[in-house]
Amino acid sequence: MPLYKIHKMADASHRAAMAAGMQGKFWEYHDKLFAAKKLSNDLLDSTAKELGLDLDKFKKDMNSNTVRQLIRKDLTDAQKAGVTGTPSVFINGRALTQRSVQGFQSLIDEELAQSKEGK
């Protein structure tokens, strides 16, 4: 769920990460973008180079209909699941609504109790 409306680099960064993924480097690329202080088109390209990606393929994939369709599908799936932003947390398919240690623990405990009852 990129912040398209409030972050001018969200779309390009999303497409770039997906393009990196098409060369097997999604998480490496993702981690470098999140570690960056400021995103820019130059950073997107230099990160691809740094990771040893085929830059021509990267740029072609980044602007391809395939990547755009994957992103649309991700957004549609997220909306169907009730995701309204990032980060969103689900435990066994249940959305975490209380974002505290106690909230996490409570939902995990409920799920563990249900799994024990189901055995």
N, C-alpha and C. Protein backbone atom coordinates (compact mmCIF):
# COMPACT_ATOMS: atom_id res chain seq x y z
N MET A 1 0.83 -1.19 0.00
CA MET A 1 0.00 0.00 0.00
C MET A 1 0.88 1.25 0.00
N PRO A 2 1.53 1.51 -1.10
CA PRO A 2 2.36 2.72 -1.17
C PRO A 2 1.53 3.98 -0.92
N LEU A 3 2.16 4.96 -0.37
CA LEU A 3 1.50 6.21 -0.03
C LEU A 3 1.49 7.14 -1.24
N TYR A 4 0.80 6.70 -2.31
CA TYR A 4 0.81 7.43 -3.57
C TYR A 4 0.38 8.88 -3.43
N LYS A 5 -0.62 9.13 -2.60
CA LYS A 5 -1.18 10.49 -2.52
C LYS A 5 -0.27 11.46 -1.78
N ILE A 6 0.60 10.95 -0.91
CA ILE A 6 1.40 11.88 -0.11
C ILE A 6 2.91 11.73 -0.33
N HIS A 7 3.32 10.77 -1.14
CA HIS A 7 4.75 10.57 -1.36
C HIS A 7 5.03 10.53 -2.86
N LYS A 8 5.71 11.54 -3.36
CA LYS A 8 5.90 11.67 -4.81
C LYS A 8 6.73 10.54 -5.41
N MET A 9 7.54 9.84 -4.62
CA MET A 9 8.37 8.76 -5.14
C MET A 9 7.76 7.38 -4.90
N ALA A 10 6.57 7.31 -4.34
CA ALA A 10 5.96 6.02 -4.00
C ALA A 10 5.75 5.14 -5.23
N ASP A 11 5.19 5.71 -6.28
CA ASP A 11 4.90 4.91 -7.47
C ASP A 11 6.19 4.39 -8.11
N ALA A 12 7.13 5.27 -8.35
CA ALA A 12 8.38 4.86 -9.00
C ALA A 12 9.14 3.86 -8.13
N SER A 13 9.16 4.08 -6.83
CA SER A 13 9.86 3.17 -5.92
C SER A 13 9.21 1.80 -5.91
N HIS A 14 7.90 1.78 -5.92
CA HIS A 14 7.16 0.52 -5.94
C HIS A 14 7.48 -0.25 -7.23
N ARG A 15 7.39 0.45 -8.35
CA ARG A 15 7.69 -0.20 -9.63
C ARG A 15 9.14 -0.67 -9.70
N ALA A 16 10.05 0.12 -9.14
CA ALA A 16 11.47 -0.24 -9.16
C ALA A 16 11.72 -1.50 -8.32
N ALA A 17 11.11 -1.57 -7.16
CA ALA A 17 11.28 -2.76 -6.31
C ALA A 17 10.72 -4.00 -7.01
N MET A 18 9.60 -3.85 -7.67
CA MET A 18 9.01 -4.98 -8.40
C MET A 18 9.93 -5.39 -9.56
N ALA A 19 10.51 -4.41 -10.23
CA ALA A 19 11.43 -4.71 -11.33
C ALA A 19 12.68 -5.41 -10.80
N ALA A 20 13.17 -4.98 -9.66
CA ALA A 20 14.31 -5.67 -9.04
C ALA A 20 13.93 -7.11 -8.69
N GLY A 21 12.70 -7.28 -8.25
CA GLY A 21 12.22 -8.62 -7.93
C GLY A 21 12.20 -9.54 -9.13
N MET A 22 11.98 -8.99 -10.29
CA MET A 22 11.98 -9.79 -11.51
C MET A 22 13.38 -10.32 -11.83
N GLN A 23 14.38 -9.76 -11.16
CA GLN A 23 15.75 -10.26 -11.29
C GLN A 23 16.21 -10.93 -10.00
N GLY A 24 15.24 -11.26 -9.14
CA GLY A 24 15.55 -11.99 -7.91
C GLY A 24 16.15 -11.16 -6.79
N LYS A 25 15.97 -9.84 -6.83
CA LYS A 25 16.60 -8.98 -5.83
C LYS A 25 15.59 -8.05 -5.13
N PHE A 26 14.33 -8.50 -5.02
CA PHE A 26 13.32 -7.64 -4.41
C PHE A 26 13.73 -7.19 -3.01
N TRP A 27 14.03 -8.13 -2.11
CA TRP A 27 14.27 -7.76 -0.72
C TRP A 27 15.54 -6.94 -0.55
N GLU A 28 16.57 -7.26 -1.31
CA GLU A 28 17.79 -6.48 -1.23
C GLU A 28 17.52 -5.04 -1.66
N TYR A 29 16.76 -4.90 -2.74
CA TYR A 29 16.42 -3.57 -3.25
C TYR A 29 15.54 -2.84 -2.25
N HIS A 30 14.51 -3.52 -1.77
CA HIS A 30 13.59 -2.98 -0.76
C HIS A 30 14.36 -2.43 0.44
N ASP A 31 15.26 -3.25 0.98
CA ASP A 31 16.00 -2.85 2.17
C ASP A 31 16.84 -1.61 1.93
N LYS A 32 17.45 -1.52 0.77
CA LYS A 32 18.27 -0.34 0.45
C LYS A 32 17.41 0.92 0.31
N LEU A 33 16.23 0.78 -0.29
CA LEU A 33 15.35 1.95 -0.40
C LEU A 33 14.89 2.43 0.97
N PHE A 34 14.52 1.48 1.83
CA PHE A 34 14.04 1.88 3.16
C PHE A 34 15.16 2.46 4.01
N ALA A 35 16.40 2.11 3.72
CA ALA A 35 17.53 2.66 4.47
C ALA A 35 17.93 4.05 3.97
N ALA A 36 17.49 4.40 2.78
CA ALA A 36 17.87 5.70 2.18
C ALA A 36 17.20 6.85 2.92
N LYS A 37 17.92 7.94 3.04
CA LYS A 37 17.36 9.13 3.69
C LYS A 37 16.37 9.85 2.79
N LYS A 38 16.63 9.83 1.48
CA LYS A 38 15.75 10.51 0.53
C LYS A 38 15.72 9.73 -0.77
N LEU A 39 14.53 9.50 -1.28
CA LEU A 39 14.37 8.77 -2.53
C LEU A 39 14.42 9.73 -3.71
N SER A 40 15.02 9.24 -4.80
CA SER A 40 15.08 10.01 -6.04
C SER A 40 15.21 9.02 -7.19
N ASN A 41 14.96 9.49 -8.39
CA ASN A 41 15.13 8.64 -9.56
C ASN A 41 16.58 8.19 -9.69
N ASP A 42 17.51 9.07 -9.37
CA ASP A 42 18.93 8.69 -9.43
C ASP A 42 19.23 7.56 -8.44
N LEU A 43 18.63 7.63 -7.25
CA LEU A 43 18.85 6.58 -6.26
C LEU A 43 18.29 5.25 -6.74
N LEU A 44 17.13 5.29 -7.39
CA LEU A 44 16.53 4.05 -7.90
C LEU A 44 17.50 3.37 -8.88
N ASP A 45 18.07 4.15 -9.78
CA ASP A 45 19.01 3.60 -10.76
C ASP A 45 20.32 3.15 -10.10
N SER A 46 20.87 3.97 -9.22
CA SER A 46 22.15 3.62 -8.60
C SER A 46 22.02 2.39 -7.71
N THR A 47 20.87 2.22 -7.09
CA THR A 47 20.64 1.02 -6.27
C THR A 47 20.59 -0.22 -7.15
N ALA A 48 19.95 -0.10 -8.30
CA ALA A 48 19.91 -1.23 -9.25
C ALA A 48 21.32 -1.59 -9.70
N LYS A 49 22.12 -0.58 -10.00
CA LYS A 49 23.51 -0.82 -10.42
C LYS A 49 24.29 -1.48 -9.29
N GLU A 50 24.14 -0.93 -8.08
CA GLU A 50 24.86 -1.45 -6.91
C GLU A 50 24.57 -2.93 -6.67
N LEU A 51 23.34 -3.34 -6.94
CA LEU A 51 22.95 -4.73 -6.73
C LEU A 51 23.29 -5.62 -7.93
N GLY A 52 23.89 -5.04 -8.94
CA GLY A 52 24.31 -5.82 -10.10
C GLY A 52 23.17 -6.22 -11.03
N LEU A 53 22.10 -5.43 -11.01
CA LEU A 53 20.98 -5.73 -11.89
C LEU A 53 21.31 -5.33 -13.32
N ASP A 54 20.69 -6.02 -14.26
CA ASP A 54 20.77 -5.64 -15.67
C ASP A 54 19.94 -4.36 -15.79
N LEU A 55 20.61 -3.22 -15.94
CA LEU A 55 19.93 -1.92 -15.89
C LEU A 55 18.92 -1.74 -17.02
N ASP A 56 19.22 -2.22 -18.21
CA ASP A 56 18.26 -2.09 -19.32
C ASP A 56 16.99 -2.88 -19.01
N LYS A 57 17.16 -4.12 -18.54
CA LYS A 57 16.00 -4.94 -18.19
C LYS A 57 15.24 -4.32 -17.02
N PHE A 58 15.96 -3.81 -16.04
CA PHE A 58 15.37 -3.16 -14.88
C PHE A 58 14.46 -2.01 -15.32
N LYS A 59 14.98 -1.13 -16.16
CA LYS A 59 14.19 0.02 -16.60
C LYS A 59 13.00 -0.41 -17.46
N LYS A 60 13.22 -1.41 -18.31
CA LYS A 60 12.12 -1.91 -19.14
C LYS A 60 11.03 -2.53 -18.25
N ASP A 61 11.43 -3.36 -17.29
CA ASP A 61 10.46 -3.99 -16.39
C ASP A 61 9.75 -2.96 -15.53
N MET A 62 10.49 -1.98 -15.06
CA MET A 62 9.92 -0.95 -14.19
C MET A 62 8.76 -0.23 -14.88
N ASN A 63 8.84 -0.08 -16.18
CA ASN A 63 7.81 0.65 -16.92
C ASN A 63 6.87 -0.27 -17.69
N SER A 64 6.96 -1.56 -17.43
CA SER A 64 6.16 -2.53 -18.18
C SER A 64 4.73 -2.65 -17.66
N ASN A 65 3.86 -3.10 -18.54
CA ASN A 65 2.48 -3.39 -18.14
C ASN A 65 2.44 -4.53 -17.13
N THR A 66 3.37 -5.47 -17.23
CA THR A 66 3.40 -6.59 -16.30
C THR A 66 3.56 -6.10 -14.87
N VAL A 67 4.53 -5.22 -14.63
CA VAL A 67 4.74 -4.69 -13.28
C VAL A 67 3.55 -3.86 -12.83
N ARG A 68 3.01 -3.06 -13.72
CA ARG A 68 1.84 -2.25 -13.35
C ARG A 68 0.64 -3.14 -12.99
N GLN A 69 0.46 -4.24 -13.73
CA GLN A 69 -0.64 -5.17 -13.42
C GLN A 69 -0.41 -5.88 -12.09
N LEU A 70 0.83 -6.26 -11.79
CA LEU A 70 1.13 -6.88 -10.50
C LEU A 70 0.81 -5.94 -9.35
N ILE A 71 1.16 -4.68 -9.52
CA ILE A 71 0.89 -3.69 -8.49
C ILE A 71 -0.62 -3.49 -8.32
N ARG A 72 -1.35 -3.40 -9.43
CA ARG A 72 -2.81 -3.26 -9.34
C ARG A 72 -3.43 -4.45 -8.61
N LYS A 73 -2.93 -5.66 -8.91
CA LYS A 73 -3.44 -6.86 -8.24
C LYS A 73 -3.14 -6.81 -6.75
N ASP A 74 -1.92 -6.41 -6.38
CA ASP A 74 -1.56 -6.28 -4.97
C ASP A 74 -2.50 -5.30 -4.26
N LEU A 75 -2.77 -4.17 -4.89
CA LEU A 75 -3.64 -3.17 -4.28
C LEU A 75 -5.07 -3.69 -4.15
N THR A 76 -5.55 -4.39 -5.17
CA THR A 76 -6.89 -4.97 -5.12
C THR A 76 -6.97 -6.02 -4.02
N ASP A 77 -5.97 -6.89 -3.93
CA ASP A 77 -5.94 -7.92 -2.89
C ASP A 77 -5.90 -7.29 -1.50
N ALA A 78 -5.12 -6.24 -1.36
CA ALA A 78 -5.02 -5.56 -0.06
C ALA A 78 -6.37 -4.96 0.34
N GLN A 79 -7.04 -4.33 -0.61
CA GLN A 79 -8.34 -3.74 -0.32
C GLN A 79 -9.35 -4.81 0.07
N LYS A 80 -9.34 -5.94 -0.64
CA LYS A 80 -10.25 -7.05 -0.31
C LYS A 80 -9.99 -7.60 1.08
N ALA A 81 -8.72 -7.57 1.50
CA ALA A 81 -8.36 -8.08 2.83
C ALA A 81 -8.64 -7.07 3.93
N GLY A 82 -9.02 -5.86 3.55
CA GLY A 82 -9.31 -4.83 4.54
C GLY A 82 -8.12 -3.99 4.93
N VAL A 83 -7.04 -4.07 4.16
CA VAL A 83 -5.87 -3.26 4.45
C VAL A 83 -6.15 -1.83 4.02
N THR A 84 -5.90 -0.90 4.92
CA THR A 84 -6.14 0.51 4.60
C THR A 84 -4.84 1.31 4.57
N GLY A 85 -3.75 0.70 4.99
CA GLY A 85 -2.47 1.38 4.99
C GLY A 85 -1.37 0.44 5.39
N THR A 86 -0.19 0.99 5.51
CA THR A 86 0.95 0.18 5.91
C THR A 86 1.57 0.79 7.16
N PRO A 87 2.12 -0.01 8.00
CA PRO A 87 2.08 -1.47 7.94
C PRO A 87 0.74 -1.98 8.43
N SER A 88 0.35 -3.13 7.93
CA SER A 88 -0.82 -3.84 8.40
C SER A 88 -0.36 -5.21 8.87
N VAL A 89 -0.93 -5.67 9.95
CA VAL A 89 -0.51 -6.94 10.53
C VAL A 89 -1.71 -7.87 10.60
N PHE A 90 -1.49 -9.10 10.13
CA PHE A 90 -2.51 -10.14 10.22
C PHE A 90 -1.89 -11.33 10.92
N ILE A 91 -2.63 -11.95 11.79
CA ILE A 91 -2.19 -13.16 12.46
C ILE A 91 -3.23 -14.22 12.17
N ASN A 92 -2.82 -15.25 11.43
CA ASN A 92 -3.75 -16.30 10.98
C ASN A 92 -4.96 -15.71 10.26
N GLY A 93 -4.72 -14.68 9.46
CA GLY A 93 -5.78 -14.08 8.67
C GLY A 93 -6.62 -13.06 9.42
N ARG A 94 -6.35 -12.86 10.68
CA ARG A 94 -7.10 -11.86 11.47
C ARG A 94 -6.28 -10.58 11.58
N ALA A 95 -6.94 -9.48 11.30
CA ALA A 95 -6.26 -8.19 11.36
C ALA A 95 -6.01 -7.79 12.81
N LEU A 96 -4.81 -7.34 13.07
CA LEU A 96 -4.46 -6.81 14.38
C LEU A 96 -4.94 -5.38 14.45
N THR A 97 -5.80 -5.08 15.41
CA THR A 97 -6.32 -3.71 15.52
C THR A 97 -5.69 -2.95 16.68
N GLN A 98 -5.26 -3.66 17.70
CA GLN A 98 -4.62 -3.00 18.84
C GLN A 98 -3.11 -3.13 18.71
N ARG A 99 -2.45 -2.05 18.35
CA ARG A 99 -1.02 -2.06 18.04
C ARG A 99 -0.16 -1.84 19.28
N SER A 100 -0.21 -2.76 20.18
CA SER A 100 0.63 -2.72 21.37
C SER A 100 1.14 -4.12 21.60
N VAL A 101 2.13 -4.24 22.48
CA VAL A 101 2.63 -5.57 22.81
C VAL A 101 1.48 -6.43 23.33
N GLN A 102 0.64 -5.84 24.16
CA GLN A 102 -0.50 -6.57 24.71
C GLN A 102 -1.48 -6.97 23.61
N GLY A 103 -1.67 -6.09 22.63
CA GLY A 103 -2.57 -6.40 21.52
C GLY A 103 -2.06 -7.58 20.71
N PHE A 104 -0.76 -7.57 20.41
CA PHE A 104 -0.15 -8.70 19.70
C PHE A 104 -0.32 -9.98 20.51
N GLN A 105 0.05 -9.90 21.78
CA GLN A 105 0.01 -11.09 22.62
C GLN A 105 -1.39 -11.64 22.75
N SER A 106 -2.37 -10.76 22.90
CA SER A 106 -3.75 -11.19 23.05
C SER A 106 -4.24 -11.94 21.81
N LEU A 107 -3.97 -11.39 20.64
CA LEU A 107 -4.41 -12.04 19.40
C LEU A 107 -3.66 -13.35 19.18
N ILE A 108 -2.38 -13.38 19.48
CA ILE A 108 -1.62 -14.62 19.35
C ILE A 108 -2.16 -15.67 20.31
N ASP A 109 -2.42 -15.27 21.55
CA ASP A 109 -2.97 -16.21 22.54
C ASP A 109 -4.32 -16.76 22.10
N GLU A 110 -5.17 -15.90 21.54
CA GLU A 110 -6.48 -16.35 21.04
C GLU A 110 -6.30 -17.38 19.93
N GLU A 111 -5.39 -17.11 19.02
CA GLU A 111 -5.17 -18.03 17.91
C GLU A 111 -4.57 -19.34 18.38
N LEU A 112 -3.66 -19.28 19.33
CA LEU A 112 -3.09 -20.52 19.87
C LEU A 112 -4.15 -21.35 20.59
N ALA A 113 -5.02 -20.67 21.36
CA ALA A 113 -6.09 -21.38 22.06
C ALA A 113 -7.03 -22.05 21.06
N GLN A 114 -7.38 -21.35 19.98
CA GLN A 114 -8.26 -21.93 18.96
C GLN A 114 -7.60 -23.11 18.27
N SER A 115 -6.28 -23.04 18.04
CA SER A 115 -5.62 -24.15 17.36
C SER A 115 -5.56 -25.38 18.26
N LYS A 116 -5.43 -25.17 19.57
CA LYS A 116 -5.42 -26.29 20.51
C LYS A 116 -6.80 -26.93 20.60
N GLU A 117 -7.84 -26.11 20.55
CA GLU A 117 -9.21 -26.62 20.59
C GLU A 117 -9.52 -27.41 19.33
N GLY A 118 -8.93 -27.02 18.21
CA GLY A 118 -9.22 -27.66 16.94
C GLY A 118 -8.53 -29.00 16.76
N LYS A 119 -7.60 -29.34 17.64
CA LYS A 119 -6.85 -30.61 17.48
C LYS A 119 -7.60 -31.78 18.01
